[in-house]
Amino acid sequence: MHFATKENTDYYGALRAAGIRGLASVEVTKATFQNFLDATAAAHSCPRVTIP
């Protein structure tokens, strides 16, 4: 199975408004996607996949 995300300008605008910029925004985006993967794995009884 393949999952991907595509953030838009509103997403990055919200991060900037919260004071999250640069590398910190990458970490927030990564954590958000990891949460999605964890929830999906749990819902479908799949093994956990960790983003490198």
N, C-alpha and C. Protein backbone atom coordinates (compact mmCIF):
# COMPACT_ATOMS: atom_id res chain seq x y z
N MET A 1 0.84 -1.15 0.00
CA MET A 1 0.00 0.00 0.00
C MET A 1 0.90 1.23 0.00
N HIS A 2 0.44 2.26 -0.64
CA HIS A 2 1.22 3.50 -0.76
C HIS A 2 0.39 4.65 -0.21
N PHE A 3 0.98 5.43 0.68
CA PHE A 3 0.34 6.64 1.21
C PHE A 3 1.23 7.82 0.91
N ALA A 4 0.63 8.93 0.62
CA ALA A 4 1.38 10.16 0.37
C ALA A 4 0.54 11.33 0.84
N THR A 5 1.19 12.44 1.07
CA THR A 5 0.47 13.66 1.42
C THR A 5 0.91 14.78 0.49
N LYS A 6 0.05 15.73 0.35
CA LYS A 6 0.40 16.93 -0.39
C LYS A 6 -0.19 18.10 0.39
N GLU A 7 0.68 18.84 1.02
CA GLU A 7 0.21 19.98 1.78
C GLU A 7 -0.02 21.16 0.83
N ASN A 8 -0.82 22.09 1.27
CA ASN A 8 -1.08 23.25 0.43
C ASN A 8 -0.62 24.52 1.15
N THR A 9 -0.81 25.65 0.52
CA THR A 9 -0.35 26.91 1.11
C THR A 9 -1.06 27.23 2.42
N ASP A 10 -2.31 26.80 2.56
CA ASP A 10 -3.02 27.03 3.83
C ASP A 10 -2.35 26.28 4.97
N TYR A 11 -1.91 25.06 4.71
CA TYR A 11 -1.23 24.26 5.73
C TYR A 11 0.05 24.97 6.19
N TYR A 12 0.87 25.36 5.22
CA TYR A 12 2.12 26.04 5.59
C TYR A 12 1.86 27.41 6.19
N GLY A 13 0.80 28.08 5.76
CA GLY A 13 0.43 29.35 6.37
C GLY A 13 0.05 29.18 7.83
N ALA A 14 -0.66 28.10 8.14
CA ALA A 14 -1.04 27.82 9.54
C ALA A 14 0.20 27.52 10.37
N LEU A 15 1.16 26.79 9.81
CA LEU A 15 2.40 26.53 10.54
C LEU A 15 3.16 27.83 10.80
N ARG A 16 3.27 28.67 9.79
CA ARG A 16 3.95 29.96 9.97
C ARG A 16 3.24 30.82 10.99
N ALA A 17 1.92 30.83 10.96
CA ALA A 17 1.15 31.63 11.93
C ALA A 17 1.38 31.14 13.35
N ALA A 18 1.67 29.85 13.49
CA ALA A 18 1.95 29.28 14.81
C ALA A 18 3.42 29.43 15.18
N GLY A 19 4.20 30.09 14.33
CA GLY A 19 5.61 30.31 14.61
C GLY A 19 6.50 29.13 14.25
N ILE A 20 5.98 28.22 13.45
CA ILE A 20 6.73 27.02 13.06
C ILE A 20 7.26 27.26 11.66
N ARG A 21 8.59 27.31 11.54
CA ARG A 21 9.21 27.63 10.25
C ARG A 21 10.41 26.71 10.00
N GLY A 22 10.85 26.68 8.76
CA GLY A 22 12.07 25.97 8.40
C GLY A 22 12.02 24.49 8.72
N LEU A 23 13.11 24.00 9.29
CA LEU A 23 13.23 22.58 9.59
C LEU A 23 12.16 22.13 10.58
N ALA A 24 11.74 23.01 11.47
CA ALA A 24 10.68 22.66 12.42
C ALA A 24 9.39 22.30 11.69
N SER A 25 9.10 22.97 10.58
CA SER A 25 7.88 22.65 9.83
C SER A 25 7.98 21.27 9.19
N VAL A 26 9.19 20.87 8.80
CA VAL A 26 9.39 19.53 8.25
C VAL A 26 9.10 18.49 9.33
N GLU A 27 9.59 18.73 10.54
CA GLU A 27 9.36 17.80 11.64
C GLU A 27 7.88 17.69 11.99
N VAL A 28 7.16 18.80 11.97
CA VAL A 28 5.72 18.78 12.25
C VAL A 28 4.98 18.00 11.17
N THR A 29 5.33 18.24 9.92
CA THR A 29 4.70 17.53 8.81
C THR A 29 4.99 16.03 8.91
N LYS A 30 6.22 15.69 9.23
CA LYS A 30 6.60 14.28 9.39
C LYS A 30 5.82 13.63 10.53
N ALA A 31 5.70 14.32 11.65
CA ALA A 31 4.96 13.78 12.80
C ALA A 31 3.48 13.60 12.48
N THR A 32 2.91 14.54 11.74
CA THR A 32 1.51 14.44 11.35
C THR A 32 1.28 13.22 10.47
N PHE A 33 2.16 13.00 9.50
CA PHE A 33 2.03 11.84 8.62
C PHE A 33 2.27 10.55 9.39
N GLN A 34 3.21 10.56 10.35
CA GLN A 34 3.45 9.37 11.16
C GLN A 34 2.22 9.02 11.98
N ASN A 35 1.54 10.03 12.53
CA ASN A 35 0.29 9.78 13.27
C ASN A 35 -0.76 9.15 12.38
N PHE A 36 -0.85 9.62 11.14
CA PHE A 36 -1.79 9.04 10.18
C PHE A 36 -1.44 7.57 9.92
N LEU A 37 -0.17 7.30 9.68
CA LEU A 37 0.26 5.91 9.43
C LEU A 37 -0.03 5.01 10.62
N ASP A 38 0.23 5.51 11.83
CA ASP A 38 -0.02 4.72 13.04
C ASP A 38 -1.50 4.40 13.18
N ALA A 39 -2.35 5.39 12.96
CA ALA A 39 -3.79 5.17 13.07
C ALA A 39 -4.29 4.20 12.01
N THR A 40 -3.77 4.31 10.80
CA THR A 40 -4.17 3.42 9.73
C THR A 40 -3.72 1.99 10.02
N ALA A 41 -2.50 1.83 10.49
CA ALA A 41 -2.00 0.49 10.83
C ALA A 41 -2.84 -0.14 11.92
N ALA A 42 -3.17 0.63 12.93
CA ALA A 42 -3.99 0.11 14.03
C ALA A 42 -5.39 -0.27 13.55
N ALA A 43 -5.97 0.56 12.71
CA ALA A 43 -7.33 0.31 12.23
C ALA A 43 -7.42 -0.93 11.35
N HIS A 44 -6.31 -1.26 10.68
CA HIS A 44 -6.34 -2.38 9.74
C HIS A 44 -5.46 -3.55 10.19
N SER A 45 -5.06 -3.53 11.46
CA SER A 45 -4.25 -4.60 12.05
C SER A 45 -2.98 -4.89 11.22
N CYS A 46 -2.31 -3.80 10.81
CA CYS A 46 -1.08 -3.93 10.04
C CYS A 46 0.11 -3.59 10.95
N PRO A 47 1.30 -4.03 10.56
CA PRO A 47 2.47 -3.65 11.35
C PRO A 47 2.76 -2.15 11.21
N ARG A 48 3.38 -1.60 12.24
CA ARG A 48 3.70 -0.17 12.24
C ARG A 48 4.86 0.10 11.28
N VAL A 49 4.76 1.15 10.52
CA VAL A 49 5.82 1.61 9.63
C VAL A 49 6.32 2.93 10.18
N THR A 50 7.63 3.07 10.26
CA THR A 50 8.21 4.30 10.78
C THR A 50 8.86 5.07 9.64
N ILE A 51 8.59 6.35 9.56
CA ILE A 51 9.20 7.21 8.56
C ILE A 51 10.66 7.44 8.97
N PRO A 52 11.59 7.22 8.03
CA PRO A 52 13.02 7.43 8.38
C PRO A 52 13.36 8.88 8.61
